[in-house]
């Protein structure tokens, strides 16, 4: 059983208050530390703050800064948009710690199967998530808001535990050993998040599950994550610098249908709880995409953004009449 100590937050009381206001969280949620209240925070966060990598494409620098204060200023103070998984979890973790929850960041290896559910082909450490505890509760909870899982609550980190993402997606926890590990036995085992759908969101054949990513309970700190963030920008096989990815979840209020709105490259996509991803619009120009980023996702692009993206792989090349 993990034993987490209380950890000071890098955010102030005033910053916490502004964050809770930004995500429109009812004040009663702050009355006690509980799974239900943590779920409310996560639900309001993912339906207010988009996952997005536009700073990689629409700025001269082409970099996303994940320093907690920079992330706070962009998202909460200046209301310019969102960030990628590293910044998302830095912001959420800091606010949870300020409220009195306990937790820390861990890193995960994605499983690049090439479409074969029986393959374990793990990347280097590239995805970030949170492990969290609640004082007085013996459970350790898994929290992941940065990769589009659609998991809106803290999930008990227990072997065999199954839970829902955005329907029809389901997940399950298991344990396994890295294929290249020199270790054997329990010491070699790490956590695996399994999913019931393939890379094209089709149901898997029996036994019906494949590894989505693998992670340990090893804590990672800000300096570590800054390095991982640099790799997400500069590794030869890095995906985020090549394409624009934006998504935000819908269904903030209890009883509302859950779904997701997204921009993938030059397309606006929408997915309902039924699991069907529909193309809503195809952009014909950068002006259209920049306008949609502001209108639908609240993402502010600078005046020179069109010039900054010109010549990059992610740029939209308008057809000549």
C-alpha atoms as a PDB file:
ATOM      1  CA  UNK A   1       0.000   0.000   0.000  1.00  0.00           C
ATOM      2  CA  UNK A   2       1.326   3.415  -0.965  1.00  0.00           C
ATOM      3  CA  UNK A   3       1.769   5.936   1.818  1.00  0.00           C
ATOM      4  CA  UNK A   4       1.569   9.519   0.550  1.00  0.00           C
ATOM      5  CA  UNK A   5       2.655  12.445   2.674  1.00  0.00           C
ATOM      6  CA  UNK A   6       0.955  15.847   2.494  1.00  0.00           C
ATOM      7  CA  UNK A   7       2.723  17.919  -0.165  1.00  0.00           C
ATOM      8  CA  UNK A   8       2.704  21.720  -0.396  1.00  0.00           C
ATOM      9  CA  UNK A   9       1.053  23.128  -3.498  1.00  0.00           C
ATOM     10  CA  UNK A  10       2.792  25.535  -5.842  1.00  0.00           C
ATOM     11  CA  UNK A  11      -0.449  27.545  -6.045  1.00  0.00           C
ATOM     12  CA  UNK A  12      -1.798  30.153  -3.627  1.00  0.00           C
ATOM     13  CA  UNK A  13      -5.228  30.446  -2.029  1.00  0.00           C
ATOM     14  CA  UNK A  14      -6.112  33.215  -4.480  1.00  0.00           C
ATOM     15  CA  UNK A  15      -5.024  31.090  -7.447  1.00  0.00           C
ATOM     16  CA  UNK A  16      -7.144  28.190  -6.186  1.00  0.00           C
ATOM     17  CA  UNK A  17     -10.159  30.475  -5.863  1.00  0.00           C
ATOM     18  CA  UNK A  18      -9.684  31.797  -9.414  1.00  0.00           C
ATOM     19  CA  UNK A  19      -9.260  28.275 -10.804  1.00  0.00           C
ATOM     20  CA  UNK A  20     -12.461  27.053  -9.163  1.00  0.00           C
ATOM     21  CA  UNK A  21     -14.257  30.103 -10.509  1.00  0.00           C
ATOM     22  CA  UNK A  22     -12.843  29.487 -13.993  1.00  0.00           C
ATOM     23  CA  UNK A  23     -14.158  25.912 -14.110  1.00  0.00           C
ATOM     24  CA  UNK A  24     -17.524  27.034 -12.636  1.00  0.00           C
ATOM     25  CA  UNK A  25     -17.310  24.689  -9.669  1.00  0.00           C
ATOM     26  CA  UNK A  26     -20.098  25.026  -7.084  1.00  0.00           C
ATOM     27  CA  UNK A  27     -18.659  26.275  -3.787  1.00  0.00           C
ATOM     28  CA  UNK A  28     -20.232  23.405  -1.820  1.00  0.00           C
ATOM     29  CA  UNK A  29     -17.782  20.986  -3.480  1.00  0.00           C
ATOM     30  CA  UNK A  30     -14.952  22.433  -1.373  1.00  0.00           C
ATOM     31  CA  UNK A  31     -16.617  21.546   1.933  1.00  0.00           C
ATOM     32  CA  UNK A  32     -14.903  18.154   2.296  1.00  0.00           C
ATOM     33  CA  UNK A  33     -12.334  15.899   0.661  1.00  0.00           C
ATOM     34  CA  UNK A  34     -14.088  12.987  -1.019  1.00  0.00           C
ATOM     35  CA  UNK A  35     -14.174  10.916  -4.195  1.00  0.00           C
ATOM     36  CA  UNK A  36     -17.418  12.609  -5.244  1.00  0.00           C
ATOM     37  CA  UNK A  37     -15.990  16.089  -4.802  1.00  0.00           C
ATOM     38  CA  UNK A  38     -12.764  15.185  -6.600  1.00  0.00           C
ATOM     39  CA  UNK A  39     -14.913  13.805  -9.420  1.00  0.00           C
ATOM     40  CA  UNK A  40     -16.782  17.116  -9.623  1.00  0.00           C
ATOM     41  CA  UNK A  41     -13.478  18.983  -9.948  1.00  0.00           C
ATOM     42  CA  UNK A  42     -12.277  16.658 -12.723  1.00  0.00           C
ATOM     43  CA  UNK A  43     -15.617  16.842 -14.554  1.00  0.00           C
ATOM     44  CA  UNK A  44     -15.619  20.641 -14.522  1.00  0.00           C
ATOM     45  CA  UNK A  45     -11.941  20.780 -15.506  1.00  0.00           C
ATOM     46  CA  UNK A  46     -12.235  18.603 -18.616  1.00  0.00           C
ATOM     47  CA  UNK A  47     -15.409  20.345 -19.809  1.00  0.00           C
ATOM     48  CA  UNK A  48     -13.843  23.800 -19.393  1.00  0.00           C
ATOM     49  CA  UNK A  49     -10.150  23.438 -20.271  1.00  0.00           C
ATOM     50  CA  UNK A  50      -9.295  21.901 -23.658  1.00  0.00           C
ATOM     51  CA  UNK A  51      -6.425  19.563 -24.351  1.00  0.00           C
ATOM     52  CA  UNK A  52      -4.591  21.399 -27.117  1.00  0.00           C
ATOM     53  CA  UNK A  53      -1.188  21.849 -28.706  1.00  0.00           C
ATOM     54  CA  UNK A  54      -1.751  25.026 -30.756  1.00  0.00           C
ATOM     55  CA  UNK A  55       1.280  26.776 -29.241  1.00  0.00           C
ATOM     56  CA  UNK A  56       3.464  24.231 -31.038  1.00  0.00           C
ATOM     57  CA  UNK A  57       2.051  25.395 -34.372  1.00  0.00           C
ATOM     58  CA  UNK A  58       0.804  28.968 -34.131  1.00  0.00           C
ATOM     59  CA  UNK A  59       3.815  30.571 -32.405  1.00  0.00           C
ATOM     60  CA  UNK A  60       7.302  31.325 -33.685  1.00  0.00           C
ATOM     61  CA  UNK A  61       8.875  29.473 -30.762  1.00  0.00           C
ATOM     62  CA  UNK A  62       6.766  26.372 -31.313  1.00  0.00           C
ATOM     63  CA  UNK A  63       7.091  25.324 -27.677  1.00  0.00           C
ATOM     64  CA  UNK A  64       4.628  24.681 -24.838  1.00  0.00           C
ATOM     65  CA  UNK A  65       5.854  25.825 -21.428  1.00  0.00           C
ATOM     66  CA  UNK A  66       4.598  23.570 -18.617  1.00  0.00           C
ATOM     67  CA  UNK A  67       5.904  25.587 -15.674  1.00  0.00           C
ATOM     68  CA  UNK A  68       2.939  25.586 -13.233  1.00  0.00           C
ATOM     69  CA  UNK A  69       2.778  29.382 -13.074  1.00  0.00           C
ATOM     70  CA  UNK A  70       2.937  29.753 -16.857  1.00  0.00           C
ATOM     71  CA  UNK A  71       0.189  27.146 -17.245  1.00  0.00           C
ATOM     72  CA  UNK A  72      -1.961  28.919 -14.653  1.00  0.00           C
ATOM     73  CA  UNK A  73      -1.520  32.293 -16.346  1.00  0.00           C
ATOM     74  CA  UNK A  74      -2.433  30.980 -19.810  1.00  0.00           C
ATOM     75  CA  UNK A  75      -5.468  28.982 -18.741  1.00  0.00           C
ATOM     76  CA  UNK A  76      -6.930  30.733 -15.710  1.00  0.00           C
ATOM     77  CA  UNK A  77      -5.627  34.299 -15.650  1.00  0.00           C
ATOM     78  CA  UNK A  78      -5.475  35.113 -19.365  1.00  0.00           C
ATOM     79  CA  UNK A  79      -8.064  32.543 -20.526  1.00  0.00           C
ATOM     80  CA  UNK A  80      -6.208  31.845 -23.766  1.00  0.00           C
ATOM     81  CA  UNK A  81      -6.971  28.131 -24.033  1.00  0.00           C
ATOM     82  CA  UNK A  82      -5.556  24.904 -22.643  1.00  0.00           C
ATOM     83  CA  UNK A  83      -2.410  22.780 -22.859  1.00  0.00           C
ATOM     84  CA  UNK A  84      -1.136  19.201 -23.354  1.00  0.00           C
ATOM     85  CA  UNK A  85      -1.128  16.364 -20.793  1.00  0.00           C
ATOM     86  CA  UNK A  86       1.959  17.599 -18.917  1.00  0.00           C
ATOM     87  CA  UNK A  87       0.511  21.052 -18.280  1.00  0.00           C
ATOM     88  CA  UNK A  88      -3.003  19.699 -17.651  1.00  0.00           C
ATOM     89  CA  UNK A  89      -1.786  17.470 -14.849  1.00  0.00           C
ATOM     90  CA  UNK A  90       0.543  20.092 -13.370  1.00  0.00           C
ATOM     91  CA  UNK A  91      -2.446  22.428 -13.035  1.00  0.00           C
ATOM     92  CA  UNK A  92      -4.886  19.834 -11.686  1.00  0.00           C
ATOM     93  CA  UNK A  93      -2.386  18.307  -9.253  1.00  0.00           C
ATOM     94  CA  UNK A  94      -1.449  21.707  -7.839  1.00  0.00           C
ATOM     95  CA  UNK A  95      -5.090  22.540  -7.212  1.00  0.00           C
ATOM     96  CA  UNK A  96      -5.856  19.143  -5.641  1.00  0.00           C
ATOM     97  CA  UNK A  97      -2.864  19.537  -3.314  1.00  0.00           C
ATOM     98  CA  UNK A  98      -4.033  23.018  -2.339  1.00  0.00           C
ATOM     99  CA  UNK A  99      -7.443  21.608  -1.415  1.00  0.00           C
ATOM    100  CA  UNK A 100      -5.799  18.998   0.844  1.00  0.00           C
ATOM    101  CA  UNK A 101      -5.744  15.909  -1.377  1.00  0.00           C
ATOM    102  CA  UNK A 102      -2.479  13.984  -1.611  1.00  0.00           C
ATOM    103  CA  UNK A 103      -0.899  13.011  -4.886  1.00  0.00           C
ATOM    104  CA  UNK A 104       1.954  13.101  -7.347  1.00  0.00           C
ATOM    105  CA  UNK A 105       2.712  12.741 -11.052  1.00  0.00           C
ATOM    106  CA  UNK A 106       3.746   9.485 -12.707  1.00  0.00           C
ATOM    107  CA  UNK A 107       4.792   8.758 -16.285  1.00  0.00           C
ATOM    108  CA  UNK A 108       3.476   6.075 -18.637  1.00  0.00           C
ATOM    109  CA  UNK A 109       4.674   4.181 -21.708  1.00  0.00           C
ATOM    110  CA  UNK A 110       2.141   4.032 -24.541  1.00  0.00           C
ATOM    111  CA  UNK A 111       1.588   0.707 -26.300  1.00  0.00           C
ATOM    112  CA  UNK A 112       2.074   1.133 -30.063  1.00  0.00           C
ATOM    113  CA  UNK A 113       0.573  -2.105 -31.315  1.00  0.00           C
ATOM    114  CA  UNK A 114       0.295  -1.383 -35.023  1.00  0.00           C
ATOM    115  CA  UNK A 115      -3.291  -2.588 -34.728  1.00  0.00           C
ATOM    116  CA  UNK A 116      -2.471  -6.007 -33.238  1.00  0.00           C
ATOM    117  CA  UNK A 117      -4.105  -6.328 -29.777  1.00  0.00           C
ATOM    118  CA  UNK A 118      -1.727  -9.134 -28.822  1.00  0.00           C
ATOM    119  CA  UNK A 119       1.385  -6.989 -29.242  1.00  0.00           C
ATOM    120  CA  UNK A 120       3.178  -5.221 -26.390  1.00  0.00           C
ATOM    121  CA  UNK A 121       5.354  -2.541 -28.008  1.00  0.00           C
ATOM    122  CA  UNK A 122       5.970   0.066 -25.331  1.00  0.00           C
ATOM    123  CA  UNK A 123       7.324   3.533 -26.021  1.00  0.00           C
ATOM    124  CA  UNK A 124       9.601   5.486 -23.761  1.00  0.00           C
ATOM    125  CA  UNK A 125       8.008   7.460 -20.948  1.00  0.00           C
ATOM    126  CA  UNK A 126       5.787  10.019 -22.663  1.00  0.00           C
ATOM    127  CA  UNK A 127       2.356  10.263 -21.034  1.00  0.00           C
ATOM    128  CA  UNK A 128       1.685  11.839 -17.642  1.00  0.00           C
ATOM    129  CA  UNK A 129      -1.026  11.085 -15.086  1.00  0.00           C
ATOM    130  CA  UNK A 130      -1.731  11.497 -11.366  1.00  0.00           C
ATOM    131  CA  UNK A 131      -1.928   9.057  -8.461  1.00  0.00           C
ATOM    132  CA  UNK A 132      -4.035  10.508  -5.661  1.00  0.00           C
ATOM    133  CA  UNK A 133      -5.089   9.686  -2.103  1.00  0.00           C
ATOM    134  CA  UNK A 134      -7.739  11.145   0.172  1.00  0.00           C
ATOM    135  CA  UNK A 135      -6.939  11.509   3.887  1.00  0.00           C
ATOM    136  CA  UNK A 136      -8.804   8.799   5.801  1.00  0.00           C
ATOM    137  CA  UNK A 137      -9.250   6.630   2.679  1.00  0.00           C
ATOM    138  CA  UNK A 138      -6.881   3.670   2.172  1.00  0.00           C
ATOM    139  CA  UNK A 139      -7.322   3.603  -1.618  1.00  0.00           C
ATOM    140  CA  UNK A 140      -4.909   5.003  -4.169  1.00  0.00           C
ATOM    141  CA  UNK A 141      -6.749   6.595  -7.091  1.00  0.00           C
ATOM    142  CA  UNK A 142      -5.799   6.890 -10.756  1.00  0.00           C
ATOM    143  CA  UNK A 143      -6.537  10.269 -12.378  1.00  0.00           C
ATOM    144  CA  UNK A 144      -5.935  10.931 -16.087  1.00  0.00           C
ATOM    145  CA  UNK A 145      -7.366  13.972 -17.867  1.00  0.00           C
ATOM    146  CA  UNK A 146      -4.719  14.454 -20.532  1.00  0.00           C
ATOM    147  CA  UNK A 147      -5.149  11.828 -23.226  1.00  0.00           C
ATOM    148  CA  UNK A 148      -8.858  11.757 -23.970  1.00  0.00           C
ATOM    149  CA  UNK A 149      -9.793   8.683 -21.946  1.00  0.00           C
ATOM    150  CA  UNK A 150     -13.101  10.235 -20.950  1.00  0.00           C
ATOM    151  CA  UNK A 151     -12.585   9.117 -17.344  1.00  0.00           C
ATOM    152  CA  UNK A 152     -14.246  11.791 -15.223  1.00  0.00           C
ATOM    153  CA  UNK A 153     -13.523  10.481 -11.749  1.00  0.00           C
ATOM    154  CA  UNK A 154     -10.712   9.150  -9.567  1.00  0.00           C
ATOM    155  CA  UNK A 155     -10.517   5.387 -10.127  1.00  0.00           C
ATOM    156  CA  UNK A 156      -9.307   2.918  -7.453  1.00  0.00           C
ATOM    157  CA  UNK A 157      -5.976   1.480  -8.574  1.00  0.00           C
ATOM    158  CA  UNK A 158      -6.872  -2.187  -8.129  1.00  0.00           C
ATOM    159  CA  UNK A 159      -6.037  -5.210 -10.286  1.00  0.00           C
ATOM    160  CA  UNK A 160      -9.102  -6.268 -12.274  1.00  0.00           C
ATOM    161  CA  UNK A 161     -11.063  -3.088 -11.580  1.00  0.00           C
ATOM    162  CA  UNK A 162     -13.182  -2.123 -14.622  1.00  0.00           C
ATOM    163  CA  UNK A 163     -14.563   1.321 -15.364  1.00  0.00           C
ATOM    164  CA  UNK A 164     -16.142   3.313 -18.170  1.00  0.00           C
ATOM    165  CA  UNK A 165     -14.642   5.899 -20.460  1.00  0.00           C
ATOM    166  CA  UNK A 166     -16.691   7.613 -23.130  1.00  0.00           C
ATOM    167  CA  UNK A 167     -19.109   4.871 -24.204  1.00  0.00           C
ATOM    168  CA  UNK A 168     -18.618   2.275 -25.550  1.00  0.00           C
ATOM    169  CA  UNK A 169     -15.020   2.421 -24.271  1.00  0.00           C
ATOM    170  CA  UNK A 170     -14.169   0.540 -21.094  1.00  0.00           C
ATOM    171  CA  UNK A 171     -10.948   0.129 -19.161  1.00  0.00           C
ATOM    172  CA  UNK A 172      -9.446  -2.369 -16.743  1.00  0.00           C
ATOM    173  CA  UNK A 173      -6.361  -2.405 -14.536  1.00  0.00           C
ATOM    174  CA  UNK A 174      -3.881  -5.264 -14.755  1.00  0.00           C
ATOM    175  CA  UNK A 175      -0.218  -5.776 -14.009  1.00  0.00           C
ATOM    176  CA  UNK A 176       2.567  -6.921 -16.277  1.00  0.00           C
ATOM    177  CA  UNK A 177       6.311  -6.921 -16.855  1.00  0.00           C
ATOM    178  CA  UNK A 178       8.008  -4.816 -19.503  1.00  0.00           C
ATOM    179  CA  UNK A 179       9.053  -7.203 -22.317  1.00  0.00           C
ATOM    180  CA  UNK A 180      12.645  -5.950 -22.054  1.00  0.00           C
ATOM    181  CA  UNK A 181      12.863  -5.996 -18.261  1.00  0.00           C
ATOM    182  CA  UNK A 182      15.889  -7.789 -16.770  1.00  0.00           C
ATOM    183  CA  UNK A 183      13.899  -8.286 -13.551  1.00  0.00           C
ATOM    184  CA  UNK A 184      11.567 -11.117 -12.601  1.00  0.00           C
ATOM    185  CA  UNK A 185       8.902 -11.628  -9.967  1.00  0.00           C
ATOM    186  CA  UNK A 186       6.640  -9.083  -8.288  1.00  0.00           C
ATOM    187  CA  UNK A 187       9.389  -6.436  -8.279  1.00  0.00           C
ATOM    188  CA  UNK A 188       9.286  -6.375 -12.082  1.00  0.00           C
ATOM    189  CA  UNK A 189       5.529  -5.868 -12.367  1.00  0.00           C
ATOM    190  CA  UNK A 190       4.051  -2.513 -13.294  1.00  0.00           C
ATOM    191  CA  UNK A 191       0.511  -1.309 -13.800  1.00  0.00           C
ATOM    192  CA  UNK A 192      -1.236  -1.650 -17.130  1.00  0.00           C
ATOM    193  CA  UNK A 193      -4.326   0.154 -18.314  1.00  0.00           C
ATOM    194  CA  UNK A 194      -6.265  -2.140 -20.653  1.00  0.00           C
ATOM    195  CA  UNK A 195      -8.953  -1.057 -23.111  1.00  0.00           C
ATOM    196  CA  UNK A 196     -11.744  -2.946 -24.879  1.00  0.00           C
ATOM    197  CA  UNK A 197     -11.414  -1.094 -28.220  1.00  0.00           C
ATOM    198  CA  UNK A 198      -8.742  -1.143 -30.908  1.00  0.00           C
ATOM    199  CA  UNK A 199      -7.007   1.932 -32.356  1.00  0.00           C
ATOM    200  CA  UNK A 200      -9.995   2.515 -34.674  1.00  0.00           C
ATOM    201  CA  UNK A 201     -12.481   2.246 -31.765  1.00  0.00           C
ATOM    202  CA  UNK A 202     -13.722  -1.182 -32.857  1.00  0.00           C
ATOM    203  CA  UNK A 203     -14.486  -3.883 -30.243  1.00  0.00           C
ATOM    204  CA  UNK A 204     -11.614  -6.294 -29.736  1.00  0.00           C
ATOM    205  CA  UNK A 205     -11.925 -10.054 -30.338  1.00  0.00           C
ATOM    206  CA  UNK A 206     -11.670 -12.431 -27.381  1.00  0.00           C
ATOM    207  CA  UNK A 207     -10.318 -12.051 -24.774  1.00  0.00           C
ATOM    208  CA  UNK A 208     -11.475  -8.530 -25.516  1.00  0.00           C
ATOM    209  CA  UNK A 209      -8.704  -6.432 -23.964  1.00  0.00           C
ATOM    210  CA  UNK A 210      -5.407  -4.882 -25.015  1.00  0.00           C
ATOM    211  CA  UNK A 211      -2.769  -2.832 -23.195  1.00  0.00           C
ATOM    212  CA  UNK A 212      -3.266   0.904 -23.709  1.00  0.00           C
ATOM    213  CA  UNK A 213      -0.321   2.038 -21.610  1.00  0.00           C
ATOM    214  CA  UNK A 214       1.918   0.882 -18.757  1.00  0.00           C
ATOM    215  CA  UNK A 215       3.121   2.804 -15.704  1.00  0.00           C
ATOM    216  CA  UNK A 216       4.756   2.346 -12.321  1.00  0.00           C
ATOM    217  CA  UNK A 217       4.101   4.147  -9.041  1.00  0.00           C
ATOM    218  CA  UNK A 218       7.470   5.924  -9.252  1.00  0.00           C
ATOM    219  CA  UNK A 219       7.007   9.671  -8.582  1.00  0.00           C
ATOM    220  CA  UNK A 220       8.263  12.151 -11.159  1.00  0.00           C
ATOM    221  CA  UNK A 221       9.057  15.743 -10.338  1.00  0.00           C
ATOM    222  CA  UNK A 222       8.852  19.041 -12.187  1.00  0.00           C
ATOM    223  CA  UNK A 223      12.442  18.849 -13.477  1.00  0.00           C
ATOM    224  CA  UNK A 224      11.779  15.331 -14.798  1.00  0.00           C
ATOM    225  CA  UNK A 225       8.574  16.396 -16.506  1.00  0.00           C
ATOM    226  CA  UNK A 226      10.227  19.427 -18.102  1.00  0.00           C
ATOM    227  CA  UNK A 227      12.637  16.962 -19.732  1.00  0.00           C
ATOM    228  CA  UNK A 228       9.797  14.698 -20.899  1.00  0.00           C
ATOM    229  CA  UNK A 229       7.972  17.746 -22.275  1.00  0.00           C
ATOM    230  CA  UNK A 230      11.095  18.657 -24.274  1.00  0.00           C
ATOM    231  CA  UNK A 231      11.128  15.153 -25.741  1.00  0.00           C
ATOM    232  CA  UNK A 232       7.465  15.487 -26.762  1.00  0.00           C
ATOM    233  CA  UNK A 233       8.556  18.454 -28.883  1.00  0.00           C
ATOM    234  CA  UNK A 234      11.859  17.164 -30.258  1.00  0.00           C
ATOM    235  CA  UNK A 235      11.870  13.366 -30.453  1.00  0.00           C
ATOM    236  CA  UNK A 236      11.977  12.266 -34.143  1.00  0.00           C
ATOM    237  CA  UNK A 237       8.793  10.206 -33.784  1.00  0.00           C
ATOM    238  CA  UNK A 238       6.932  12.842 -31.744  1.00  0.00           C
ATOM    239  CA  UNK A 239       3.351  13.286 -32.989  1.00  0.00           C
ATOM    240  CA  UNK A 240       2.293  16.570 -31.394  1.00  0.00           C
ATOM    241  CA  UNK A 241       4.649  18.851 -33.377  1.00  0.00           C
ATOM    242  CA  UNK A 242       3.373  17.424 -36.675  1.00  0.00           C
ATOM    243  CA  UNK A 243      -0.387  17.785 -36.236  1.00  0.00           C
ATOM    244  CA  UNK A 244      -2.878  19.986 -34.424  1.00  0.00           C
ATOM    245  CA  UNK A 245      -4.887  18.166 -31.751  1.00  0.00           C
ATOM    246  CA  UNK A 246      -7.640  19.850 -29.767  1.00  0.00           C
ATOM    247  CA  UNK A 247     -10.435  18.280 -27.756  1.00  0.00           C
ATOM    248  CA  UNK A 248     -12.799  19.184 -24.965  1.00  0.00           C
ATOM    249  CA  UNK A 249     -15.445  17.094 -23.266  1.00  0.00           C
ATOM    250  CA  UNK A 250     -19.108  18.052 -23.171  1.00  0.00           C
ATOM    251  CA  UNK A 251     -21.721  17.298 -20.523  1.00  0.00           C
ATOM    252  CA  UNK A 252     -20.655  19.376 -17.526  1.00  0.00           C
ATOM    253  CA  UNK A 253     -23.923  19.145 -15.595  1.00  0.00           C
ATOM    254  CA  UNK A 254     -25.384  16.014 -14.015  1.00  0.00           C
ATOM    255  CA  UNK A 255     -27.748  14.277 -16.405  1.00  0.00           C
ATOM    256  CA  UNK A 256     -26.253  15.821 -19.544  1.00  0.00           C
ATOM    257  CA  UNK A 257     -25.128  13.482 -22.308  1.00  0.00           C
ATOM    258  CA  UNK A 258     -21.351  13.118 -22.355  1.00  0.00           C
ATOM    259  CA  UNK A 259     -19.373  13.572 -25.526  1.00  0.00           C
ATOM    260  CA  UNK A 260     -16.333  15.245 -27.016  1.00  0.00           C
ATOM    261  CA  UNK A 261     -15.679  18.021 -29.528  1.00  0.00           C
ATOM    262  CA  UNK A 262     -12.340  17.952 -31.307  1.00  0.00           C
ATOM    263  CA  UNK A 263     -10.135  19.386 -34.014  1.00  0.00           C
ATOM    264  CA  UNK A 264      -7.830  16.837 -35.628  1.00  0.00           C
ATOM    265  CA  UNK A 265      -5.627  18.404 -38.276  1.00  0.00           C
ATOM    266  CA  UNK A 266      -8.064  20.160 -40.650  1.00  0.00           C
ATOM    267  CA  UNK A 267     -11.285  18.570 -39.394  1.00  0.00           C
ATOM    268  CA  UNK A 268     -13.797  19.393 -36.683  1.00  0.00           C
ATOM    269  CA  UNK A 269     -15.059  16.193 -35.075  1.00  0.00           C
ATOM    270  CA  UNK A 270     -17.872  15.425 -32.664  1.00  0.00           C
ATOM    271  CA  UNK A 271     -18.474  12.252 -30.693  1.00  0.00           C
ATOM    272  CA  UNK A 272     -21.503  11.490 -28.580  1.00  0.00           C
ATOM    273  CA  UNK A 273     -21.895   8.936 -25.818  1.00  0.00           C
ATOM    274  CA  UNK A 274     -22.939   6.471 -28.528  1.00  0.00           C
ATOM    275  CA  UNK A 275     -19.321   6.256 -29.627  1.00  0.00           C
ATOM    276  CA  UNK A 276     -19.658   7.491 -33.211  1.00  0.00           C
ATOM    277  CA  UNK A 277     -17.087  10.108 -34.285  1.00  0.00           C
ATOM    278  CA  UNK A 278     -18.575  12.389 -36.931  1.00  0.00           C
ATOM    279  CA  UNK A 279     -16.870  14.960 -39.146  1.00  0.00           C
ATOM    280  CA  UNK A 280     -18.653  18.271 -38.594  1.00  0.00           C
ATOM    281  CA  UNK A 281     -16.515  20.483 -40.813  1.00  0.00           C
ATOM    282  CA  UNK A 282     -13.401  20.390 -42.979  1.00  0.00           C
ATOM    283  CA  UNK A 283     -11.367  23.587 -42.953  1.00  0.00           C
ATOM    284  CA  UNK A 284     -10.403  25.161 -46.255  1.00  0.00           C
ATOM    285  CA  UNK A 285      -8.099  27.782 -44.783  1.00  0.00           C
ATOM    286  CA  UNK A 286      -6.138  28.768 -41.691  1.00  0.00           C
ATOM    287  CA  UNK A 287      -8.565  31.631 -41.115  1.00  0.00           C
ATOM    288  CA  UNK A 288     -11.408  29.130 -40.711  1.00  0.00           C
ATOM    289  CA  UNK A 289      -9.468  26.981 -38.275  1.00  0.00           C
ATOM    290  CA  UNK A 290      -8.264  29.941 -36.193  1.00  0.00           C
ATOM    291  CA  UNK A 291     -11.823  31.287 -35.979  1.00  0.00           C
ATOM    292  CA  UNK A 292     -13.159  27.879 -34.873  1.00  0.00           C
ATOM    293  CA  UNK A 293     -10.460  27.551 -32.211  1.00  0.00           C
ATOM    294  CA  UNK A 294     -11.706  30.777 -30.647  1.00  0.00           C
ATOM    295  CA  UNK A 295     -15.426  30.245 -31.176  1.00  0.00           C
ATOM    296  CA  UNK A 296     -15.745  26.627 -30.037  1.00  0.00           C
ATOM    297  CA  UNK A 297     -12.744  26.012 -27.777  1.00  0.00           C
ATOM    298  CA  UNK A 298     -11.893  29.459 -26.394  1.00  0.00           C
ATOM    299  CA  UNK A 299      -8.335  29.270 -27.744  1.00  0.00           C
ATOM    300  CA  UNK A 300      -6.736  32.629 -28.528  1.00  0.00           C
ATOM    301  CA  UNK A 301      -4.236  32.666 -31.378  1.00  0.00           C
ATOM    302  CA  UNK A 302      -1.932  35.667 -31.793  1.00  0.00           C
ATOM    303  CA  UNK A 303      -2.221  38.084 -34.706  1.00  0.00           C
ATOM    304  CA  UNK A 304       0.820  36.529 -36.393  1.00  0.00           C
ATOM    305  CA  UNK A 305      -0.389  32.935 -35.967  1.00  0.00           C
ATOM    306  CA  UNK A 306      -1.067  32.368 -39.667  1.00  0.00           C
ATOM    307  CA  UNK A 307       2.470  33.431 -40.531  1.00  0.00           C
ATOM    308  CA  UNK A 308       3.910  31.243 -37.761  1.00  0.00           C
ATOM    309  CA  UNK A 309       2.290  28.047 -39.027  1.00  0.00           C
ATOM    310  CA  UNK A 310       3.139  28.664 -42.684  1.00  0.00           C
ATOM    311  CA  UNK A 311       5.539  26.006 -43.959  1.00  0.00           C
ATOM    312  CA  UNK A 312       4.936  23.617 -41.067  1.00  0.00           C
ATOM    313  CA  UNK A 313       3.492  20.124 -41.697  1.00  0.00           C
ATOM    314  CA  UNK A 314       0.320  21.123 -39.843  1.00  0.00           C
ATOM    315  CA  UNK A 315      -0.455  24.132 -42.066  1.00  0.00           C
ATOM    316  CA  UNK A 316      -3.602  24.167 -44.190  1.00  0.00           C
ATOM    317  CA  UNK A 317      -2.779  24.864 -47.810  1.00  0.00           C
ATOM    318  CA  UNK A 318      -5.819  26.510 -49.356  1.00  0.00           C
ATOM    319  CA  UNK A 319      -6.746  25.244 -52.804  1.00  0.00           C
ATOM    320  CA  UNK A 320      -6.312  27.726 -55.619  1.00  0.00           C
ATOM    321  CA  UNK A 321      -9.475  28.707 -57.425  1.00  0.00           C
END
